Amino acid sequence: MMKKLVLFVLMSSIFGFSQEKITTQDFGLNPKTETVVSKQTWANANYNKGVYIETLTFYNTYLQSKKNQDGDYITEDKYFYNIDNQLIRIETLHHNSDQTEAVKFYYQNGKLSSKEFYMNDKLITKTIFTYDKNGRLVNETEKSLKNELVLEVNYSNYVNDNTYTKSSVDYKENKILQRIVEYYVNGLVSLEESEMYNLKSTRKLIYSTNRRLVKEIINNDEINVYSYKFDENGNPTKIFKMNNRDNGDTIIMIQNTYSDFRN
């Protein structure tokens, strides 16, 4: 099955810390953006087995909802903020089932201190965030209610707030499932190294001067090249991904709406 490359994944995957991306600036969008509807297809009609549509809704630069349609399956995330515009909750609804999910965020001294993941109103995991004396994130540890490790992330080799190394380890039943090391330069991932089931892979990312992803080199042989078209407000209206193998060239068509948010 072909990899889906909806706008949320493409834009949010190249920005900083694992904490949620919630503003138009995080996505490289115009601050007056109200909705972004992206539809993914493939240049080769043989790959078009389904419809993948993503809808992002913003209010006054802050993300309000994210809706994904994968064929007939629909999920929707709703975002909630406190009076200081800090993200405090994400609720996920599955339109095709009764399953619900939620993530709750907690803060101390203005910084994210912990978050909790719920499924069907039942607490599943809790994540603790720690910082160094300069206020930089150095560790996040996610554990189950049985105190079993689920995910551990370490941040190191800080040159400044935007240039550092992020090392992630996923666990399953107290055993290491996957390791990922990401190297950030000026807030963008320049290199990713991963290992899963003793299989290693690398991914090198190259950007344009306006911080758009333009080339992705996987394991030094597979290459994805990205090109863009923009509207008069600077938002993408079309993203084309060309693959050097027979893995399907991807097209994302995007419709944007804008508002002054005066109501």
Protein backbone atom coordinates (compact mmCIF):
# COMPACT_ATOMS: atom_id res chain seq x y z
CA MET A 1 0.00 0.00 0.00
CA MET A 2 1.28 3.46 -0.86
CA LYS A 3 2.36 5.79 1.91
CA LYS A 4 -0.08 8.61 2.60
CA LEU A 5 1.52 12.06 2.61
CA VAL A 6 -1.19 14.40 3.86
CA LEU A 7 -0.27 18.02 4.54
CA PHE A 8 -0.30 17.73 8.35
CA VAL A 9 2.30 14.96 8.25
CA LEU A 10 4.45 16.68 5.63
CA MET A 11 4.49 20.07 7.35
CA SER A 12 4.57 19.08 11.02
CA SER A 13 7.19 16.37 10.63
CA ILE A 14 9.92 18.91 9.83
CA PHE A 15 9.42 21.14 12.87
CA GLY A 16 11.18 20.98 16.26
CA PHE A 17 10.17 19.25 19.45
CA SER A 18 7.63 16.47 19.71
CA GLN A 19 5.24 18.81 21.51
CA GLU A 20 2.16 19.49 19.42
CA LYS A 21 2.17 21.89 16.47
CA ILE A 22 -0.76 24.21 16.95
CA THR A 23 -0.28 27.49 15.06
CA THR A 24 -0.22 28.59 11.45
CA GLN A 25 3.42 29.55 11.96
CA ASP A 26 4.23 25.96 12.98
CA PHE A 27 2.91 24.82 9.59
CA GLY A 28 4.46 27.64 7.57
CA LEU A 29 1.01 29.06 6.75
CA ASN A 30 -0.31 32.60 6.45
CA PRO A 31 -1.56 33.85 9.87
CA LYS A 32 -4.99 34.63 8.36
CA THR A 33 -5.50 31.01 7.32
CA GLU A 34 -8.90 29.66 8.38
CA THR A 35 -9.14 26.28 6.62
CA VAL A 36 -6.76 24.09 4.65
CA VAL A 37 -8.23 21.15 2.73
CA SER A 38 -5.70 18.83 1.11
CA LYS A 39 -6.46 15.86 -1.11
CA GLN A 40 -3.84 13.29 -2.01
CA THR A 41 -3.77 11.40 -5.28
CA TRP A 42 -1.08 9.66 -7.34
CA ALA A 43 0.13 10.57 -10.81
CA ASN A 44 -0.16 6.89 -11.80
CA ALA A 45 -3.88 6.06 -11.83
CA ASN A 46 -3.09 2.47 -10.83
CA TYR A 47 -2.16 3.70 -7.35
CA ASN A 48 -5.40 5.64 -6.78
CA LYS A 49 -7.19 3.00 -4.72
CA GLY A 50 -8.73 5.41 -2.23
CA VAL A 51 -9.30 9.01 -1.30
CA TYR A 52 -7.16 10.67 1.38
CA ILE A 53 -8.45 14.06 2.50
CA GLU A 54 -7.25 16.19 5.39
CA THR A 55 -8.96 19.33 6.69
CA LEU A 56 -7.23 21.73 9.09
CA THR A 57 -9.27 24.49 10.76
CA PHE A 58 -7.66 27.48 12.48
CA TYR A 59 -8.99 30.40 14.51
CA ASN A 60 -6.81 33.47 14.97
CA THR A 61 -3.67 31.40 14.08
CA TYR A 62 -4.50 28.49 16.47
CA LEU A 63 -5.41 25.02 15.22
CA GLN A 64 -8.99 24.11 16.18
CA SER A 65 -9.51 20.77 14.46
CA LYS A 66 -7.91 18.24 12.14
CA LYS A 67 -10.13 15.87 10.18
CA ASN A 68 -8.80 12.92 8.18
CA GLN A 69 -10.73 10.86 5.66
CA ASP A 70 -9.06 7.63 4.54
CA GLY A 71 -11.54 6.11 2.13
CA ASP A 72 -14.69 5.64 4.24
CA TYR A 73 -12.83 5.88 7.55
CA ILE A 74 -12.94 9.29 9.23
CA THR A 75 -11.16 10.56 12.35
CA GLU A 76 -11.32 14.05 13.82
CA ASP A 77 -9.09 15.76 16.39
CA LYS A 78 -10.37 18.76 18.33
CA TYR A 79 -7.95 21.13 20.09
CA PHE A 80 -8.66 23.05 23.32
CA TYR A 81 -6.64 25.88 24.92
CA ASN A 82 -6.48 27.76 28.22
CA ILE A 83 -6.65 31.54 28.62
CA ASP A 84 -2.90 31.77 27.91
CA ASN A 85 -3.38 29.94 24.57
CA GLN A 86 -1.58 26.86 25.91
CA LEU A 87 -2.84 23.57 24.50
CA ILE A 88 -4.61 21.69 27.31
CA ARG A 89 -6.49 18.90 25.53
CA ILE A 90 -6.85 17.03 22.24
CA GLU A 91 -9.94 14.89 21.74
CA THR A 92 -10.06 12.29 18.96
CA LEU A 93 -13.32 10.95 17.56
CA HIS A 94 -13.59 7.97 15.22
CA HIS A 95 -16.68 8.49 13.10
CA ASN A 96 -16.87 4.79 12.21
CA SER A 97 -16.68 3.46 15.78
CA ASP A 98 -17.41 4.32 19.40
CA GLN A 99 -13.71 4.57 20.27
CA THR A 100 -12.53 7.89 21.69
CA GLU A 101 -9.07 9.12 22.60
CA ALA A 102 -7.81 12.16 24.47
CA VAL A 103 -4.51 13.75 25.42
CA LYS A 104 -4.40 16.15 28.38
CA PHE A 105 -1.52 18.60 28.87
CA TYR A 106 -0.30 20.09 32.16
CA TYR A 107 2.05 23.03 32.75
CA GLN A 108 4.33 24.37 35.47
CA ASN A 109 5.99 27.79 35.32
CA GLY A 110 4.77 28.18 31.75
CA LYS A 111 6.37 24.95 30.48
CA LEU A 112 4.79 21.64 29.59
CA SER A 113 5.41 19.35 32.59
CA SER A 114 3.33 16.27 31.76
CA LYS A 115 0.67 14.83 29.51
CA GLU A 116 -1.79 11.95 29.85
CA PHE A 117 -3.21 9.70 27.15
CA TYR A 118 -6.74 8.33 27.56
CA MET A 119 -8.67 5.78 25.54
CA ASN A 120 -12.43 5.55 26.07
CA ASP A 121 -11.99 7.77 29.15
CA LYS A 122 -9.47 5.35 30.68
CA LEU A 123 -5.96 6.58 31.50
CA ILE A 124 -3.43 4.56 29.48
CA THR A 125 -0.06 6.32 29.72
CA LYS A 126 1.55 9.36 31.32
CA THR A 127 4.51 11.36 30.01
CA ILE A 128 6.85 13.48 32.15
CA PHE A 129 8.94 16.31 30.63
CA THR A 130 12.18 17.60 32.20
CA TYR A 131 14.31 20.64 31.33
CA ASP A 132 17.86 21.85 31.89
CA LYS A 133 18.85 25.04 33.74
CA ASN A 134 18.48 26.99 30.49
CA GLY A 135 14.88 25.86 30.13
CA ARG A 136 15.63 23.50 27.24
CA LEU A 137 13.81 20.20 27.02
CA VAL A 138 16.18 17.32 27.84
CA ASN A 139 13.92 14.32 28.41
CA GLU A 140 10.40 13.02 28.00
CA THR A 141 9.45 9.66 29.46
CA GLU A 142 6.15 7.92 28.73
CA LYS A 143 5.07 5.02 30.97
CA SER A 144 2.03 2.82 31.31
CA LEU A 145 0.02 2.56 34.52
CA LYS A 146 2.10 -0.53 35.32
CA ASN A 147 5.19 1.70 35.23
CA GLU A 148 6.41 0.04 32.02
CA LEU A 149 8.35 2.20 29.56
CA VAL A 150 6.44 3.07 26.39
CA LEU A 151 8.63 5.83 24.95
CA GLU A 152 11.77 7.64 26.06
CA VAL A 153 13.12 10.70 24.28
CA ASN A 154 16.38 12.50 25.06
CA TYR A 155 17.49 15.88 23.72
CA SER A 156 21.22 16.59 23.66
CA ASN A 157 24.11 18.32 21.88
CA TYR A 158 22.44 21.72 22.03
CA VAL A 159 24.19 24.38 19.97
CA ASN A 160 21.22 26.70 20.52
CA ASP A 161 17.48 26.31 21.05
CA ASN A 162 16.98 25.16 17.45
CA THR A 163 20.06 23.00 16.79
CA TYR A 164 20.28 19.75 18.79
CA THR A 165 19.96 15.95 18.66
CA LYS A 166 16.75 14.10 19.49
CA SER A 167 17.03 10.36 20.38
CA SER A 168 13.83 8.30 20.72
CA VAL A 169 13.35 4.73 21.89
CA ASP A 170 9.99 2.95 21.56
CA TYR A 171 9.27 0.02 23.86
CA LYS A 172 6.84 -2.86 23.72
CA GLU A 173 6.45 -5.20 26.70
CA ASN A 174 9.67 -3.81 28.21
CA LYS A 175 11.65 -4.60 25.05
CA ILE A 176 13.09 -2.08 22.61
CA LEU A 177 10.96 -1.92 19.48
CA GLN A 178 12.55 0.96 17.59
CA ARG A 179 15.30 3.56 17.90
CA ILE A 180 15.28 6.88 16.06
CA VAL A 181 17.92 9.62 16.14
CA GLU A 182 17.06 12.97 14.55
CA TYR A 183 19.56 15.77 13.99
CA TYR A 184 17.99 19.24 14.02
CA VAL A 185 19.66 22.27 12.45
CA ASN A 186 17.93 25.64 12.77
CA GLY A 187 14.72 23.91 13.82
CA LEU A 188 14.57 21.47 10.90
CA VAL A 189 15.45 17.78 10.77
CA SER A 190 18.53 17.40 8.56
CA LEU A 191 19.17 13.69 9.14
CA GLU A 192 17.20 10.81 10.65
CA GLU A 193 18.70 7.42 11.58
CA SER A 194 16.40 4.59 12.62
CA GLU A 195 16.64 0.94 13.59
CA MET A 196 13.79 -1.56 13.97
CA TYR A 197 14.14 -5.34 14.24
CA ASN A 198 17.85 -4.95 13.42
CA LEU A 199 16.98 -3.18 10.17
CA LYS A 200 18.71 0.19 9.87
CA SER A 201 17.73 3.08 7.65
CA THR A 202 18.67 6.70 7.09
CA ARG A 203 16.76 9.69 5.78
CA LYS A 204 18.41 12.95 4.74
CA LEU A 205 16.23 16.04 4.34
CA ILE A 206 17.08 19.11 2.26
CA TYR A 207 15.13 22.39 2.38
CA SER A 208 14.67 25.53 0.34
CA THR A 209 15.61 28.98 1.62
CA ASN A 210 12.00 29.46 2.80
CA ARG A 211 12.20 26.22 4.85
CA ARG A 212 10.13 24.01 2.54
CA LEU A 213 11.16 20.36 2.17
CA VAL A 214 12.54 19.93 -1.37
CA LYS A 215 14.45 16.64 -1.29
CA GLU A 216 14.39 13.46 0.78
CA ILE A 217 17.15 10.85 0.38
CA ILE A 218 16.36 7.44 1.87
CA ASN A 219 19.17 4.96 2.47
CA ASN A 220 21.33 6.85 -0.04
CA ASP A 221 19.46 5.46 -3.03
CA GLU A 222 15.75 6.30 -2.96
CA ILE A 223 15.08 9.97 -3.66
CA ASN A 224 11.88 12.01 -3.27
CA VAL A 225 11.86 15.49 -4.80
CA TYR A 226 9.16 17.97 -3.75
CA SER A 227 7.89 20.96 -5.73
CA TYR A 228 5.26 23.53 -4.75
CA LYS A 229 2.74 25.98 -6.13
CA PHE A 230 1.46 28.82 -3.91
CA ASP A 231 -1.45 31.23 -3.78
CA GLU A 232 -1.15 34.99 -3.39
CA ASN A 233 -1.10 34.61 0.42
CA GLY A 234 1.91 32.29 0.36
CA ASN A 235 0.10 29.07 1.23
CA PRO A 236 0.73 25.93 -0.87
CA THR A 237 -1.99 25.02 -3.38
CA LYS A 238 -0.19 22.03 -4.86
CA ILE A 239 2.62 19.78 -3.67
CA PHE A 240 4.14 17.29 -6.09
CA LYS A 241 6.42 14.49 -4.87
CA MET A 242 8.49 12.77 -7.53
CA ASN A 243 10.04 9.42 -6.63
CA ASN A 244 13.06 7.98 -8.46
CA ARG A 245 11.72 4.45 -8.03
CA ASP A 246 8.42 2.96 -9.10
CA ASN A 247 6.80 3.95 -5.80
CA GLY A 248 4.31 6.38 -7.25
CA ASP A 249 4.59 10.12 -7.75
CA THR A 250 2.29 11.85 -5.26
CA ILE A 251 0.11 14.91 -5.81
CA ILE A 252 -1.48 16.93 -3.00
CA MET A 253 -4.05 19.50 -4.12
CA ILE A 254 -4.83 22.13 -1.47
CA GLN A 255 -7.67 24.62 -1.02
CA ASN A 256 -7.16 27.49 1.46
CA THR A 257 -9.62 29.94 2.97
CA TYR A 258 -8.77 33.06 4.95
CA SER A 259 -10.36 35.28 7.60
CA ASP A 260 -9.66 38.44 9.59
CA PHE A 261 -11.25 36.71 12.64
CA ARG A 262 -13.07 39.86 13.74
CA ASN A 263 -16.11 38.07 15.15
